[in-house]
């Protein structure tokens, strides 16, 4: 969708660039908020603290003026630094799954002369693809969240006497 709106800065005045960058970031933040809300609903229930890892951030490439929204998961260090409890499960494991493997630990539990936890054969875990599926399933809501701000950008450009070449739009029914 970002490639459909080709914006060229005709006026290099700082206020014009600042306004367009601000509106672009706000539009992307609105769509990031929609994705985060749906992600929190669709995260597997086996890890309640996993919701603390969900994040989105907006960046602007100032050389091209291209705004970018990234949606992903914070690592446990970032979650902890924000004052929340991190999950014991890695977001990577939940999204992409794990292969069966053996876990060896220096710690173990002894009960009735039996040792538990020294060597564990982990059966693996299937991938949930919760992040990818959430974005693909709710793309209409994400675009709708951006529309209000994209109209504001068009209004700002019209007032300044500039045009946005929207080009050809293609839709896939995949």
N, C-alpha and C. Protein backbone atom coordinates (compact mmCIF):
# COMPACT_ATOMS: atom_id res chain seq x y z
N UNK A 1 0.82 -1.19 0.00
CA UNK A 1 0.00 0.00 0.00
C UNK A 1 0.87 1.25 0.00
N UNK A 2 2.02 1.17 0.66
CA UNK A 2 2.87 2.34 0.74
C UNK A 2 3.41 2.73 -0.63
N UNK A 3 3.60 1.73 -1.51
CA UNK A 3 4.12 2.04 -2.83
C UNK A 3 3.07 2.70 -3.72
N UNK A 4 1.78 2.59 -3.36
CA UNK A 4 0.72 3.20 -4.15
C UNK A 4 0.70 4.71 -4.02
N UNK A 5 1.25 5.23 -2.94
CA UNK A 5 1.25 6.67 -2.69
C UNK A 5 2.69 7.17 -2.85
N UNK A 6 2.98 7.73 -4.00
CA UNK A 6 4.32 8.25 -4.26
C UNK A 6 4.30 9.74 -3.97
N UNK A 7 4.95 10.12 -2.88
CA UNK A 7 4.96 11.52 -2.47
C UNK A 7 6.35 12.08 -2.77
N UNK A 8 6.39 13.17 -3.51
CA UNK A 8 7.63 13.86 -3.79
C UNK A 8 7.56 15.23 -3.12
N UNK A 9 8.58 15.56 -2.39
CA UNK A 9 8.62 16.86 -1.72
C UNK A 9 8.98 17.93 -2.75
N UNK A 10 7.97 18.70 -3.17
CA UNK A 10 8.21 19.79 -4.10
C UNK A 10 8.75 20.98 -3.33
N UNK A 11 8.15 21.25 -2.20
CA UNK A 11 8.60 22.32 -1.33
C UNK A 11 9.50 21.71 -0.28
N UNK A 12 10.72 22.13 -0.22
CA UNK A 12 11.68 21.58 0.74
C UNK A 12 11.65 22.30 2.08
N UNK A 13 10.65 23.10 2.28
CA UNK A 13 10.54 23.84 3.53
C UNK A 13 10.37 22.84 4.67
N UNK A 14 11.02 23.12 5.78
CA UNK A 14 11.03 22.19 6.92
C UNK A 14 9.64 21.94 7.47
N UNK A 15 8.78 22.96 7.47
CA UNK A 15 7.43 22.78 8.01
C UNK A 15 6.61 21.81 7.17
N UNK A 16 6.77 21.85 5.84
CA UNK A 16 6.03 20.95 4.96
C UNK A 16 6.48 19.51 5.21
N UNK A 17 7.80 19.31 5.26
CA UNK A 17 8.32 17.97 5.51
C UNK A 17 7.89 17.47 6.89
N UNK A 18 7.95 18.35 7.87
CA UNK A 18 7.59 17.97 9.23
C UNK A 18 6.12 17.57 9.31
N UNK A 19 5.24 18.30 8.62
CA UNK A 19 3.82 17.98 8.62
C UNK A 19 3.55 16.64 7.97
N UNK A 20 4.14 16.40 6.79
CA UNK A 20 3.94 15.14 6.09
C UNK A 20 4.51 13.95 6.86
N UNK A 21 5.67 14.13 7.46
CA UNK A 21 6.27 13.06 8.26
C UNK A 21 5.39 12.77 9.47
N UNK A 22 4.91 13.81 10.12
CA UNK A 22 4.05 13.63 11.29
C UNK A 22 2.76 12.90 10.95
N UNK A 23 2.12 13.30 9.84
CA UNK A 23 0.88 12.64 9.43
C UNK A 23 1.13 11.19 9.01
N UNK A 24 2.24 10.94 8.34
CA UNK A 24 2.57 9.57 7.94
C UNK A 24 2.79 8.68 9.15
N UNK A 25 3.55 9.19 10.12
CA UNK A 25 3.81 8.40 11.33
C UNK A 25 2.52 8.16 12.10
N UNK A 26 1.66 9.16 12.18
CA UNK A 26 0.40 9.01 12.90
C UNK A 26 -0.49 7.96 12.22
N UNK A 27 -0.52 7.96 10.90
CA UNK A 27 -1.32 6.97 10.16
C UNK A 27 -0.80 5.57 10.43
N UNK A 28 0.49 5.40 10.42
CA UNK A 28 1.06 4.08 10.68
C UNK A 28 0.88 3.65 12.13
N UNK A 29 0.98 4.61 13.05
CA UNK A 29 0.74 4.26 14.47
C UNK A 29 -0.69 3.79 14.69
N UNK A 30 -1.65 4.41 13.98
CA UNK A 30 -3.05 4.01 14.11
C UNK A 30 -3.23 2.58 13.63
N UNK A 31 -2.60 2.23 12.52
CA UNK A 31 -2.73 0.85 12.04
C UNK A 31 -1.96 -0.11 12.95
N UNK A 32 -0.85 0.32 13.52
CA UNK A 32 -0.13 -0.52 14.48
C UNK A 32 -0.95 -0.81 15.72
N UNK A 33 -1.73 0.17 16.14
CA UNK A 33 -2.60 -0.01 17.31
C UNK A 33 -3.66 -1.08 17.01
N UNK A 34 -4.20 -1.07 15.80
CA UNK A 34 -5.20 -2.08 15.41
C UNK A 34 -4.58 -3.47 15.44
N UNK A 35 -3.38 -3.60 14.87
CA UNK A 35 -2.71 -4.90 14.84
C UNK A 35 -2.41 -5.39 16.25
N UNK A 36 -1.91 -4.51 17.10
CA UNK A 36 -1.59 -4.93 18.47
C UNK A 36 -2.83 -5.40 19.22
N UNK A 37 -3.96 -4.73 19.00
CA UNK A 37 -5.21 -5.13 19.66
C UNK A 37 -5.61 -6.54 19.23
N UNK A 38 -5.58 -6.81 17.93
CA UNK A 38 -5.93 -8.15 17.43
C UNK A 38 -4.91 -9.19 17.87
N UNK A 39 -3.64 -8.82 17.91
CA UNK A 39 -2.62 -9.77 18.35
C UNK A 39 -2.84 -10.19 19.80
N UNK A 40 -3.18 -9.24 20.65
CA UNK A 40 -3.42 -9.58 22.06
C UNK A 40 -4.59 -10.54 22.21
N UNK A 41 -5.58 -10.44 21.31
CA UNK A 41 -6.72 -11.35 21.36
C UNK A 41 -6.37 -12.74 20.85
N UNK A 42 -5.44 -12.83 19.91
CA UNK A 42 -5.16 -14.10 19.25
C UNK A 42 -3.92 -14.83 19.75
N UNK A 43 -3.21 -14.24 20.70
CA UNK A 43 -2.03 -14.91 21.26
C UNK A 43 -2.48 -16.16 22.00
N UNK A 44 -1.75 -17.27 21.88
CA UNK A 44 -2.12 -18.49 22.62
C UNK A 44 -2.22 -18.24 24.12
N UNK A 45 -3.21 -18.83 24.73
CA UNK A 45 -3.49 -18.59 26.15
C UNK A 45 -2.48 -19.25 27.09
N UNK A 46 -1.68 -20.18 26.59
CA UNK A 46 -0.77 -20.90 27.49
C UNK A 46 0.29 -19.99 28.10
N UNK A 47 0.47 -18.82 27.54
CA UNK A 47 1.45 -17.88 28.08
C UNK A 47 0.81 -16.51 28.19
N UNK A 48 0.25 -16.20 29.34
CA UNK A 48 -0.46 -14.93 29.52
C UNK A 48 0.48 -13.73 29.43
N UNK A 49 1.72 -13.91 29.89
CA UNK A 49 2.67 -12.79 29.88
C UNK A 49 3.25 -12.53 28.49
N UNK A 50 2.97 -13.40 27.54
CA UNK A 50 3.45 -13.22 26.18
C UNK A 50 2.91 -11.94 25.56
N UNK A 51 1.75 -11.50 26.03
CA UNK A 51 1.14 -10.27 25.51
C UNK A 51 2.00 -9.05 25.78
N UNK A 52 2.84 -9.11 26.80
CA UNK A 52 3.72 -7.99 27.13
C UNK A 52 4.81 -7.78 26.08
N UNK A 53 5.04 -8.77 25.22
CA UNK A 53 6.10 -8.69 24.22
C UNK A 53 5.64 -8.05 22.92
N UNK A 54 4.33 -7.89 22.70
CA UNK A 54 3.80 -7.38 21.44
C UNK A 54 4.15 -5.90 21.29
N UNK A 55 4.67 -5.54 20.11
CA UNK A 55 5.10 -4.16 19.91
C UNK A 55 4.98 -3.76 18.44
N UNK A 56 4.94 -2.48 18.22
CA UNK A 56 5.04 -1.93 16.86
C UNK A 56 5.79 -0.61 16.97
N UNK A 57 6.54 -0.28 15.93
CA UNK A 57 7.28 0.97 15.94
C UNK A 57 7.31 1.53 14.52
N UNK A 58 7.38 2.84 14.44
CA UNK A 58 7.33 3.56 13.17
C UNK A 58 8.66 4.27 12.95
N UNK A 59 9.15 4.16 11.73
CA UNK A 59 10.40 4.84 11.37
C UNK A 59 10.20 5.57 10.05
N UNK A 60 10.97 6.62 9.84
CA UNK A 60 10.97 7.35 8.59
C UNK A 60 12.38 7.33 8.03
N UNK A 61 12.50 6.92 6.77
CA UNK A 61 13.77 7.02 6.07
C UNK A 61 13.84 8.44 5.53
N UNK A 62 14.64 9.26 6.13
CA UNK A 62 14.65 10.68 5.77
C UNK A 62 15.30 10.95 4.41
N UNK A 63 16.04 10.00 3.87
CA UNK A 63 16.60 10.17 2.53
C UNK A 63 15.51 10.05 1.46
N UNK A 64 14.56 9.13 1.68
CA UNK A 64 13.50 8.91 0.70
C UNK A 64 12.15 9.46 1.16
N UNK A 65 11.98 9.70 2.44
CA UNK A 65 10.70 10.15 2.97
C UNK A 65 9.71 9.01 3.18
N UNK A 66 10.18 7.77 3.03
CA UNK A 66 9.31 6.60 3.12
C UNK A 66 9.09 6.19 4.57
N UNK A 67 7.82 6.22 5.03
CA UNK A 67 7.54 5.75 6.39
C UNK A 67 7.44 4.23 6.42
N UNK A 68 7.82 3.63 7.53
CA UNK A 68 7.79 2.18 7.67
C UNK A 68 7.21 1.82 9.03
N UNK A 69 6.29 0.86 9.03
CA UNK A 69 5.73 0.32 10.26
C UNK A 69 6.28 -1.07 10.44
N UNK A 70 6.86 -1.33 11.59
CA UNK A 70 7.34 -2.67 11.91
C UNK A 70 6.54 -3.19 13.09
N UNK A 71 6.09 -4.44 12.96
CA UNK A 71 5.31 -5.09 14.01
C UNK A 71 6.08 -6.33 14.42
N UNK A 72 6.23 -6.51 15.70
CA UNK A 72 6.99 -7.66 16.16
C UNK A 72 6.85 -7.86 17.65
N UNK A 73 7.88 -8.47 18.20
CA UNK A 73 7.88 -8.79 19.63
C UNK A 73 9.15 -8.26 20.26
N UNK A 74 9.00 -7.63 21.43
CA UNK A 74 10.15 -7.20 22.20
C UNK A 74 10.81 -8.43 22.83
N UNK A 75 12.12 -8.35 23.03
CA UNK A 75 12.83 -9.36 23.79
C UNK A 75 12.53 -9.19 25.28
N UNK A 76 12.94 -10.18 26.07
CA UNK A 76 12.60 -10.12 27.50
C UNK A 76 13.27 -8.95 28.20
N UNK A 77 14.46 -8.52 27.72
CA UNK A 77 15.15 -7.39 28.36
C UNK A 77 14.34 -6.10 28.20
N UNK A 78 13.80 -5.88 27.00
CA UNK A 78 13.02 -4.66 26.75
C UNK A 78 11.72 -4.68 27.55
N UNK A 79 11.08 -5.85 27.63
CA UNK A 79 9.84 -5.97 28.40
C UNK A 79 10.11 -5.67 29.87
N UNK A 80 11.19 -6.22 30.38
CA UNK A 80 11.55 -6.00 31.79
C UNK A 80 11.89 -4.53 32.05
N UNK A 81 12.58 -3.88 31.09
CA UNK A 81 12.94 -2.48 31.28
C UNK A 81 11.71 -1.57 31.24
N UNK A 82 10.62 -2.04 30.63
CA UNK A 82 9.38 -1.27 30.59
C UNK A 82 8.51 -1.53 31.83
N UNK A 83 9.02 -2.34 32.77
CA UNK A 83 8.31 -2.57 34.03
C UNK A 83 7.25 -3.66 33.97
N UNK A 84 7.33 -4.55 32.98
CA UNK A 84 6.35 -5.63 32.86
C UNK A 84 7.05 -6.97 33.02
N UNK A 85 6.26 -7.99 33.30
CA UNK A 85 6.80 -9.33 33.46
C UNK A 85 7.02 -9.97 32.09
N UNK A 86 8.25 -10.40 31.79
CA UNK A 86 8.48 -11.08 30.52
C UNK A 86 7.97 -12.52 30.56
N UNK A 87 7.70 -13.04 29.40
CA UNK A 87 7.25 -14.42 29.27
C UNK A 87 8.46 -15.36 29.30
N UNK A 88 8.24 -16.57 29.78
CA UNK A 88 9.31 -17.57 29.75
C UNK A 88 9.50 -18.12 28.35
N UNK A 89 8.48 -18.03 27.53
CA UNK A 89 8.56 -18.52 26.16
C UNK A 89 9.10 -17.41 25.25
N UNK A 90 9.99 -17.77 24.39
CA UNK A 90 10.50 -16.80 23.43
C UNK A 90 9.44 -16.55 22.36
N UNK A 91 9.24 -15.30 21.96
CA UNK A 91 8.29 -15.03 20.88
C UNK A 91 8.63 -15.79 19.60
N UNK A 92 9.91 -16.00 19.35
CA UNK A 92 10.33 -16.74 18.17
C UNK A 92 9.79 -18.17 18.23
N UNK A 93 9.84 -18.80 19.40
CA UNK A 93 9.36 -20.18 19.54
C UNK A 93 7.87 -20.27 19.27
N UNK A 94 7.12 -19.30 19.76
CA UNK A 94 5.66 -19.33 19.57
C UNK A 94 5.32 -19.10 18.11
N UNK A 95 5.99 -18.15 17.47
CA UNK A 95 5.68 -17.82 16.07
C UNK A 95 6.12 -18.92 15.10
N UNK A 96 7.34 -19.41 15.26
CA UNK A 96 7.90 -20.33 14.27
C UNK A 96 8.02 -21.77 14.75
N UNK A 97 7.74 -22.03 16.04
CA UNK A 97 7.80 -23.39 16.55
C UNK A 97 9.22 -23.84 16.84
N UNK A 98 9.35 -25.05 17.36
CA UNK A 98 10.66 -25.63 17.65
C UNK A 98 10.67 -27.09 17.20
N UNK A 99 11.85 -27.58 16.91
CA UNK A 99 12.04 -28.98 16.56
C UNK A 99 12.18 -29.78 17.86
N UNK A 100 11.90 -31.09 17.83
CA UNK A 100 12.17 -31.91 19.01
C UNK A 100 13.67 -31.85 19.35
N UNK A 101 13.97 -31.73 20.63
CA UNK A 101 15.37 -31.61 21.04
C UNK A 101 15.52 -32.07 22.50
N UNK A 102 16.76 -32.22 22.90
CA UNK A 102 17.08 -32.64 24.26
C UNK A 102 17.61 -31.43 25.04
N UNK A 103 17.11 -31.27 26.25
CA UNK A 103 17.55 -30.18 27.12
C UNK A 103 18.32 -30.80 28.28
N UNK A 104 19.54 -30.34 28.48
CA UNK A 104 20.33 -30.79 29.62
C UNK A 104 20.51 -29.62 30.57
N UNK A 105 20.40 -29.92 31.83
CA UNK A 105 20.49 -28.86 32.83
C UNK A 105 21.43 -29.29 33.94
N UNK A 106 22.06 -28.31 34.56
CA UNK A 106 22.88 -28.59 35.73
C UNK A 106 22.01 -28.75 36.97
N UNK A 107 20.80 -28.25 36.90
CA UNK A 107 19.87 -28.33 38.03
C UNK A 107 18.91 -29.49 37.80
N UNK A 108 18.59 -30.17 38.86
CA UNK A 108 17.62 -31.25 38.78
C UNK A 108 16.96 -31.41 40.12
N UNK A 109 15.87 -32.13 40.12
CA UNK A 109 15.12 -32.36 41.35
C UNK A 109 15.23 -33.84 41.72
N UNK A 110 15.43 -34.11 42.98
CA UNK A 110 15.53 -35.49 43.45
C UNK A 110 14.31 -35.80 44.29
N UNK A 111 13.65 -36.91 43.96
CA UNK A 111 12.47 -37.33 44.70
C UNK A 111 12.47 -38.85 44.76
N UNK A 112 12.51 -39.39 45.96
CA UNK A 112 12.54 -40.86 46.17
C UNK A 112 13.64 -41.52 45.33
N UNK A 113 14.82 -40.98 45.42
CA UNK A 113 15.98 -41.50 44.69
C UNK A 113 15.82 -41.49 43.17
N UNK A 114 14.88 -40.72 42.66
CA UNK A 114 14.74 -40.51 41.22
C UNK A 114 15.11 -39.07 40.90
N UNK A 115 15.80 -38.88 39.82
CA UNK A 115 16.21 -37.55 39.40
C UNK A 115 15.32 -37.07 38.26
N UNK A 116 14.81 -35.86 38.41
CA UNK A 116 13.92 -35.29 37.40
C UNK A 116 14.51 -33.99 36.88
N UNK A 117 14.44 -33.80 35.57
CA UNK A 117 14.85 -32.53 34.98
C UNK A 117 16.29 -32.46 34.56
N UNK A 118 17.08 -33.50 34.77
CA UNK A 118 18.48 -33.43 34.37
C UNK A 118 18.60 -33.50 32.85
N UNK A 119 17.94 -34.46 32.24
CA UNK A 119 17.88 -34.55 30.79
C UNK A 119 16.41 -34.67 30.42
N UNK A 120 15.96 -33.73 29.62
CA UNK A 120 14.55 -33.71 29.22
C UNK A 120 14.48 -33.82 27.70
N UNK A 121 13.68 -34.73 27.21
CA UNK A 121 13.44 -34.83 25.77
C UNK A 121 12.22 -33.98 25.44
N UNK A 122 12.48 -32.81 24.89
CA UNK A 122 11.40 -31.89 24.54
C UNK A 122 10.77 -32.36 23.23
N UNK A 123 9.44 -32.50 23.17
CA UNK A 123 8.81 -33.01 21.96
C UNK A 123 8.74 -32.00 20.80
N UNK A 124 9.11 -30.77 21.05
CA UNK A 124 8.98 -29.74 20.03
C UNK A 124 7.62 -29.07 20.13
N UNK A 125 7.45 -28.05 19.34
CA UNK A 125 6.20 -27.28 19.37
C UNK A 125 5.89 -26.82 17.96
N UNK A 126 4.65 -26.95 17.56
CA UNK A 126 4.28 -26.52 16.22
C UNK A 126 4.19 -24.99 16.17
N UNK A 127 4.43 -24.44 15.00
CA UNK A 127 4.38 -22.99 14.81
C UNK A 127 2.93 -22.50 14.82
N UNK A 128 2.70 -21.33 15.39
CA UNK A 128 1.36 -20.76 15.40
C UNK A 128 1.20 -19.66 14.36
N UNK A 129 2.28 -19.02 13.95
CA UNK A 129 2.27 -17.92 12.97
C UNK A 129 1.23 -16.87 13.36
N UNK A 130 1.13 -16.58 14.65
CA UNK A 130 0.11 -15.65 15.14
C UNK A 130 0.33 -14.25 14.59
N UNK A 131 1.55 -13.80 14.47
CA UNK A 131 1.83 -12.45 13.97
C UNK A 131 1.46 -12.34 12.49
N UNK A 132 1.98 -13.24 11.69
CA UNK A 132 1.70 -13.20 10.25
C UNK A 132 0.21 -13.34 9.95
N UNK A 133 -0.44 -14.30 10.60
CA UNK A 133 -1.86 -14.54 10.34
C UNK A 133 -2.72 -13.37 10.78
N UNK A 134 -2.39 -12.75 11.89
CA UNK A 134 -3.16 -11.61 12.38
C UNK A 134 -3.11 -10.45 11.39
N UNK A 135 -1.94 -10.16 10.87
CA UNK A 135 -1.81 -9.06 9.91
C UNK A 135 -2.57 -9.40 8.63
N UNK A 136 -2.43 -10.61 8.14
CA UNK A 136 -3.11 -10.98 6.90
C UNK A 136 -4.63 -11.05 7.07
N UNK A 137 -5.10 -11.53 8.20
CA UNK A 137 -6.54 -11.66 8.42
C UNK A 137 -7.24 -10.33 8.64
N UNK A 138 -6.53 -9.33 9.10
CA UNK A 138 -7.15 -8.05 9.45
C UNK A 138 -6.61 -6.89 8.63
N UNK A 139 -6.20 -7.16 7.41
CA UNK A 139 -5.61 -6.11 6.57
C UNK A 139 -6.63 -5.01 6.25
N UNK A 140 -7.91 -5.37 6.14
CA UNK A 140 -8.93 -4.35 5.84
C UNK A 140 -9.05 -3.34 6.99
N UNK A 141 -9.03 -3.82 8.22
CA UNK A 141 -9.11 -2.93 9.38
C UNK A 141 -7.85 -2.06 9.49
N UNK A 142 -6.71 -2.64 9.13
CA UNK A 142 -5.45 -1.88 9.17
C UNK A 142 -5.50 -0.73 8.16
N UNK A 143 -5.96 -1.02 6.97
CA UNK A 143 -6.06 0.02 5.94
C UNK A 143 -7.10 1.06 6.31
N UNK A 144 -8.19 0.64 6.91
CA UNK A 144 -9.23 1.58 7.33
C UNK A 144 -8.69 2.55 8.38
N UNK A 145 -7.86 2.05 9.28
CA UNK A 145 -7.26 2.91 10.31
C UNK A 145 -6.34 3.96 9.68
N UNK A 146 -5.72 3.61 8.56
CA UNK A 146 -4.82 4.55 7.89
C UNK A 146 -5.56 5.58 7.04
N UNK A 147 -6.74 5.23 6.56
CA UNK A 147 -7.46 6.07 5.60
C UNK A 147 -7.71 7.49 6.12
N UNK A 148 -8.09 7.61 7.38
CA UNK A 148 -8.36 8.93 7.94
C UNK A 148 -7.15 9.84 7.81
N UNK A 149 -5.97 9.31 8.09
CA UNK A 149 -4.76 10.11 8.06
C UNK A 149 -4.27 10.31 6.63
N UNK A 150 -4.50 9.33 5.76
CA UNK A 150 -4.13 9.51 4.35
C UNK A 150 -4.97 10.61 3.71
N UNK A 151 -6.25 10.70 4.10
CA UNK A 151 -7.09 11.78 3.61
C UNK A 151 -6.58 13.13 4.12
N UNK A 152 -6.10 13.14 5.34
CA UNK A 152 -5.54 14.37 5.91
C UNK A 152 -4.27 14.79 5.15
N UNK A 153 -3.46 13.81 4.74
CA UNK A 153 -2.27 14.11 3.95
C UNK A 153 -2.68 14.70 2.60
N UNK A 154 -3.67 14.07 1.96
CA UNK A 154 -4.15 14.61 0.68
C UNK A 154 -4.70 16.02 0.82
N UNK A 155 -5.41 16.27 1.91
CA UNK A 155 -5.96 17.61 2.17
C UNK A 155 -4.82 18.62 2.34
N UNK A 156 -3.79 18.24 3.09
CA UNK A 156 -2.65 19.12 3.30
C UNK A 156 -1.94 19.40 1.98
N UNK A 157 -1.79 18.37 1.15
CA UNK A 157 -1.13 18.57 -0.14
C UNK A 157 -1.98 19.43 -1.08
N UNK A 158 -3.30 19.22 -1.06
CA UNK A 158 -4.19 20.04 -1.90
C UNK A 158 -4.11 21.50 -1.51
N UNK A 159 -4.05 21.78 -0.22
CA UNK A 159 -3.96 23.16 0.25
C UNK A 159 -2.65 23.81 -0.21
N UNK A 160 -1.61 22.98 -0.31
CA UNK A 160 -0.32 23.50 -0.74
C UNK A 160 -0.20 23.52 -2.26
N UNK A 161 -1.21 23.00 -2.98
CA UNK A 161 -1.19 23.00 -4.43
C UNK A 161 -0.39 21.88 -5.04
N UNK A 162 -0.15 20.81 -4.30
CA UNK A 162 0.60 19.68 -4.81
C UNK A 162 -0.35 18.52 -5.08
N UNK A 163 0.10 17.55 -5.85
CA UNK A 163 -0.71 16.38 -6.17
C UNK A 163 0.03 15.12 -5.74
N UNK A 164 -0.74 14.11 -5.38
CA UNK A 164 -0.19 12.81 -5.06
C UNK A 164 -0.55 11.87 -6.19
N UNK A 165 0.47 11.30 -6.83
CA UNK A 165 0.23 10.32 -7.90
C UNK A 165 0.01 8.98 -7.24
N UNK A 166 -1.26 8.52 -7.26
CA UNK A 166 -1.58 7.25 -6.63
C UNK A 166 -1.27 6.07 -7.52
N UNK A 167 -1.05 6.28 -8.78
CA UNK A 167 -0.67 5.21 -9.69
C UNK A 167 -1.77 4.16 -9.83
N UNK A 168 -1.41 3.03 -10.35
CA UNK A 168 -2.36 1.93 -10.50
C UNK A 168 -2.40 1.10 -9.23
N UNK A 169 -3.59 0.75 -8.82
CA UNK A 169 -3.74 -0.09 -7.64
C UNK A 169 -4.08 -1.50 -8.08
N UNK A 170 -3.41 -2.45 -7.47
CA UNK A 170 -3.64 -3.85 -7.77
C UNK A 170 -4.16 -4.54 -6.53
N UNK A 171 -5.09 -5.45 -6.74
CA UNK A 171 -5.63 -6.22 -5.63
C UNK A 171 -5.42 -7.69 -5.91
N UNK A 172 -5.03 -8.42 -4.90
CA UNK A 172 -4.86 -9.85 -5.00
C UNK A 172 -5.94 -10.52 -4.16
N UNK A 173 -6.50 -11.57 -4.66
CA UNK A 173 -7.52 -12.31 -3.91
C UNK A 173 -6.94 -13.56 -3.31
N UNK A 174 -5.72 -13.48 -2.77
CA UNK A 174 -5.09 -14.65 -2.16
C UNK A 174 -5.58 -14.88 -0.77
